[in-house]
Each structure stands twice: as C-alpha cells, then as structure tokens.
Amino acid sequence: MRLDKYLKVSRLIKRRRWRVMMHAARITVNGKPAKASYQVKIGDVIEIAFGQRTMKVEVLNIAEHTLKADASALYKEL
C-alpha cells in the first residue's frame, strides 16, 4: 500500500496535510525521507514531525479500509 493511502486509512494525519509534510521532508520511513509512492510494509517505522512534537509508529497491519475505531490497530506508537 502506498504511504499516502496508509496515512489516510490509519488516520495518523489528514489527507490535505500530508502533501505539505512530504515536501518538507517531515515524514520519514526507517530513517529516510519518504515519498507518497513509498510502498509501506509490515514492520516499517514511520516518523512524523508535527512542529515541536514527533510521532513514531511501527506498522503492524495493512488494510485497504478500516473503521475509525479499528484504525489504531494498524500501528503501534513507539
């Protein structure tokens, strides 16, 4: 699954914000700046910088569609 779609499905960030964050290199996967087309795999570590705060998550599962209540089961915060 593409990184941009994974971020949307897992509800980590809103879709309209990811473009700005990708171009500013605020999203990294396994320590490297990632493009929207990066293919997310189970076990990848995604780091998202929100200004002063940084969120680091590990991909546990990949699903095409999830309910809001089930979205947090796709990742684990580190």
N, C-alpha and C. Protein backbone atom coordinates (compact mmCIF):
# COMPACT_ATOMS: atom_id res chain seq x y z
N MET A 1 0.85 -1.16 0.00
CA MET A 1 0.00 0.00 0.00
C MET A 1 0.90 1.24 0.00
N ARG A 2 0.49 2.24 -0.73
CA ARG A 2 1.24 3.49 -0.79
C ARG A 2 1.21 4.20 0.57
N LEU A 3 2.27 4.94 0.86
CA LEU A 3 2.39 5.64 2.12
C LEU A 3 1.27 6.66 2.32
N ASP A 4 0.94 7.42 1.30
CA ASP A 4 -0.12 8.42 1.45
C ASP A 4 -1.46 7.78 1.79
N LYS A 5 -1.77 6.66 1.17
CA LYS A 5 -3.02 5.98 1.47
C LYS A 5 -2.99 5.36 2.87
N TYR A 6 -1.85 4.81 3.27
CA TYR A 6 -1.74 4.23 4.61
C TYR A 6 -1.96 5.30 5.69
N LEU A 7 -1.38 6.48 5.49
CA LEU A 7 -1.56 7.56 6.47
C LEU A 7 -3.03 7.98 6.56
N LYS A 8 -3.72 7.95 5.43
CA LYS A 8 -5.13 8.30 5.42
C LYS A 8 -5.98 7.23 6.10
N VAL A 9 -5.77 5.97 5.74
CA VAL A 9 -6.56 4.86 6.28
C VAL A 9 -6.32 4.70 7.78
N SER A 10 -5.07 4.86 8.22
CA SER A 10 -4.76 4.70 9.64
C SER A 10 -5.11 5.94 10.45
N ARG A 11 -5.48 7.01 9.76
CA ARG A 11 -5.88 8.27 10.40
C ARG A 11 -4.78 8.88 11.25
N LEU A 12 -3.54 8.73 10.81
CA LEU A 12 -2.41 9.36 11.51
C LEU A 12 -2.36 10.85 11.20
N ILE A 13 -2.58 11.23 9.94
CA ILE A 13 -2.67 12.63 9.57
C ILE A 13 -3.78 12.78 8.53
N LYS A 14 -4.31 13.98 8.43
CA LYS A 14 -5.35 14.23 7.45
C LYS A 14 -4.74 14.32 6.06
N ARG A 15 -5.52 13.94 5.07
CA ARG A 15 -5.02 13.86 3.70
C ARG A 15 -4.51 15.20 3.17
N ARG A 16 -5.15 16.27 3.50
CA ARG A 16 -4.72 17.56 2.96
C ARG A 16 -3.40 18.04 3.58
N ARG A 17 -3.02 17.49 4.73
CA ARG A 17 -1.77 17.90 5.38
C ARG A 17 -0.57 17.10 4.88
N TRP A 18 -0.77 15.87 4.41
CA TRP A 18 0.38 15.03 4.07
C TRP A 18 1.19 15.59 2.93
N ARG A 19 0.57 16.27 1.96
CA ARG A 19 1.33 16.83 0.83
C ARG A 19 2.36 17.83 1.31
N VAL A 20 1.93 18.73 2.18
CA VAL A 20 2.83 19.74 2.71
C VAL A 20 3.94 19.08 3.51
N MET A 21 3.59 18.10 4.31
CA MET A 21 4.57 17.44 5.16
C MET A 21 5.56 16.60 4.35
N MET A 22 5.12 15.98 3.27
CA MET A 22 6.01 15.19 2.42
C MET A 22 7.06 16.08 1.75
N HIS A 23 6.60 17.21 1.23
CA HIS A 23 7.52 18.11 0.53
C HIS A 23 8.51 18.75 1.49
N ALA A 24 8.14 18.91 2.73
CA ALA A 24 9.03 19.49 3.73
C ALA A 24 9.90 18.42 4.40
N ALA A 25 9.81 17.18 3.95
CA ALA A 25 10.58 16.04 4.50
C ALA A 25 10.32 15.86 5.98
N ARG A 26 9.08 16.03 6.41
CA ARG A 26 8.72 15.82 7.81
C ARG A 26 8.26 14.40 8.07
N ILE A 27 8.14 13.60 7.03
CA ILE A 27 7.74 12.21 7.19
C ILE A 27 8.90 11.33 6.71
N THR A 28 9.36 10.47 7.62
CA THR A 28 10.44 9.56 7.27
C THR A 28 9.98 8.12 7.53
N VAL A 29 10.51 7.21 6.74
CA VAL A 29 10.24 5.79 6.92
C VAL A 29 11.59 5.11 7.08
N ASN A 30 11.76 4.43 8.20
CA ASN A 30 13.01 3.74 8.53
C ASN A 30 14.20 4.71 8.48
N GLY A 31 13.97 5.96 8.92
CA GLY A 31 15.05 6.94 9.00
C GLY A 31 15.37 7.69 7.72
N LYS A 32 14.64 7.43 6.64
CA LYS A 32 14.90 8.10 5.36
C LYS A 32 13.67 8.89 4.94
N PRO A 33 13.85 10.10 4.37
CA PRO A 33 12.68 10.86 3.87
C PRO A 33 11.93 10.02 2.84
N ALA A 34 10.60 10.02 2.94
CA ALA A 34 9.80 9.15 2.08
C ALA A 34 8.89 9.97 1.16
N LYS A 35 8.67 9.42 -0.02
CA LYS A 35 7.73 9.99 -0.97
C LYS A 35 6.37 9.34 -0.76
N ALA A 36 5.34 9.96 -1.31
CA ALA A 36 3.98 9.44 -1.18
C ALA A 36 3.84 8.06 -1.81
N SER A 37 4.65 7.76 -2.80
CA SER A 37 4.53 6.48 -3.51
C SER A 37 5.28 5.33 -2.83
N TYR A 38 5.92 5.58 -1.70
CA TYR A 38 6.64 4.53 -0.99
C TYR A 38 5.67 3.41 -0.62
N GLN A 39 6.07 2.16 -0.87
CA GLN A 39 5.23 1.00 -0.55
C GLN A 39 5.47 0.58 0.90
N VAL A 40 4.47 0.81 1.74
CA VAL A 40 4.56 0.51 3.17
C VAL A 40 4.50 -1.00 3.37
N LYS A 41 5.38 -1.50 4.26
CA LYS A 41 5.41 -2.92 4.58
C LYS A 41 5.25 -3.07 6.09
N ILE A 42 4.78 -4.23 6.53
CA ILE A 42 4.66 -4.51 7.95
C ILE A 42 6.06 -4.49 8.56
N GLY A 43 6.20 -3.78 9.67
CA GLY A 43 7.50 -3.66 10.33
C GLY A 43 8.18 -2.33 10.07
N ASP A 44 7.72 -1.57 9.08
CA ASP A 44 8.30 -0.25 8.81
C ASP A 44 8.05 0.68 10.00
N VAL A 45 9.00 1.58 10.24
CA VAL A 45 8.85 2.58 11.29
C VAL A 45 8.68 3.94 10.61
N ILE A 46 7.52 4.55 10.85
CA ILE A 46 7.19 5.84 10.26
C ILE A 46 7.33 6.91 11.34
N GLU A 47 8.04 7.99 11.00
CA GLU A 47 8.23 9.09 11.94
C GLU A 47 7.65 10.35 11.31
N ILE A 48 6.76 11.02 12.04
CA ILE A 48 6.07 12.20 11.55
C ILE A 48 6.38 13.36 12.48
N ALA A 49 6.91 14.46 11.94
CA ALA A 49 7.24 15.63 12.74
C ALA A 49 6.11 16.65 12.64
N PHE A 50 5.49 16.95 13.78
CA PHE A 50 4.44 17.96 13.87
C PHE A 50 5.02 19.16 14.62
N GLY A 51 5.72 20.04 13.95
CA GLY A 51 6.32 21.18 14.63
C GLY A 51 7.33 20.73 15.67
N GLN A 52 7.05 20.96 16.95
CA GLN A 52 7.94 20.58 18.04
C GLN A 52 7.80 19.11 18.42
N ARG A 53 6.64 18.52 18.13
CA ARG A 53 6.34 17.15 18.56
C ARG A 53 6.62 16.17 17.42
N THR A 54 7.12 14.99 17.77
CA THR A 54 7.38 13.94 16.79
C THR A 54 6.64 12.68 17.19
N MET A 55 5.98 12.07 16.21
CA MET A 55 5.26 10.81 16.45
C MET A 55 5.99 9.71 15.70
N LYS A 56 6.27 8.62 16.40
CA LYS A 56 6.96 7.50 15.79
C LYS A 56 6.08 6.27 15.96
N VAL A 57 5.75 5.60 14.84
CA VAL A 57 4.88 4.44 14.87
C VAL A 57 5.48 3.30 14.06
N GLU A 58 5.13 2.09 14.46
CA GLU A 58 5.53 0.89 13.72
C GLU A 58 4.29 0.31 13.05
N VAL A 59 4.41 -0.06 11.79
CA VAL A 59 3.30 -0.62 11.03
C VAL A 59 3.08 -2.06 11.48
N LEU A 60 1.88 -2.34 11.98
CA LEU A 60 1.53 -3.69 12.42
C LEU A 60 0.68 -4.45 11.41
N ASN A 61 -0.14 -3.71 10.67
CA ASN A 61 -1.07 -4.33 9.74
C ASN A 61 -1.35 -3.36 8.61
N ILE A 62 -1.76 -3.88 7.47
CA ILE A 62 -2.12 -3.06 6.32
C ILE A 62 -3.50 -3.48 5.87
N ALA A 63 -4.41 -2.51 5.76
CA ALA A 63 -5.78 -2.79 5.33
C ALA A 63 -6.24 -1.69 4.39
N GLU A 64 -7.00 -2.07 3.37
CA GLU A 64 -7.50 -1.09 2.40
C GLU A 64 -8.54 -0.15 3.00
N HIS A 65 -9.38 -0.68 3.89
CA HIS A 65 -10.44 0.11 4.51
C HIS A 65 -10.51 -0.26 5.99
N THR A 66 -10.70 0.75 6.83
CA THR A 66 -10.90 0.49 8.26
C THR A 66 -11.93 1.45 8.81
N LEU A 67 -12.57 1.03 9.87
CA LEU A 67 -13.46 1.92 10.59
C LEU A 67 -12.61 2.78 11.52
N LYS A 68 -13.16 3.91 11.94
CA LYS A 68 -12.42 4.81 12.82
C LYS A 68 -11.98 4.10 14.10
N ALA A 69 -12.82 3.25 14.65
CA ALA A 69 -12.50 2.55 15.89
C ALA A 69 -11.38 1.52 15.69
N ASP A 70 -11.23 0.98 14.49
CA ASP A 70 -10.23 -0.04 14.22
C ASP A 70 -8.92 0.51 13.67
N ALA A 71 -8.86 1.80 13.39
CA ALA A 71 -7.68 2.39 12.75
C ALA A 71 -6.44 2.27 13.62
N SER A 72 -6.57 2.36 14.92
CA SER A 72 -5.40 2.30 15.80
C SER A 72 -4.77 0.91 15.85
N ALA A 73 -5.45 -0.11 15.35
CA ALA A 73 -4.89 -1.47 15.33
C ALA A 73 -3.89 -1.65 14.19
N LEU A 74 -3.79 -0.68 13.30
CA LEU A 74 -2.86 -0.78 12.17
C LEU A 74 -1.44 -0.41 12.55
N TYR A 75 -1.25 0.26 13.68
CA TYR A 75 0.08 0.72 14.07
C TYR A 75 0.26 0.67 15.57
N LYS A 76 1.53 0.77 16.00
CA LYS A 76 1.87 0.80 17.42
C LYS A 76 2.76 2.01 17.64
N GLU A 77 2.41 2.87 18.58
CA GLU A 77 3.25 4.03 18.87
C GLU A 77 4.50 3.59 19.62
N LEU A 78 5.62 4.16 19.22
CA LEU A 78 6.91 3.84 19.86
C LEU A 78 7.36 4.99 20.75
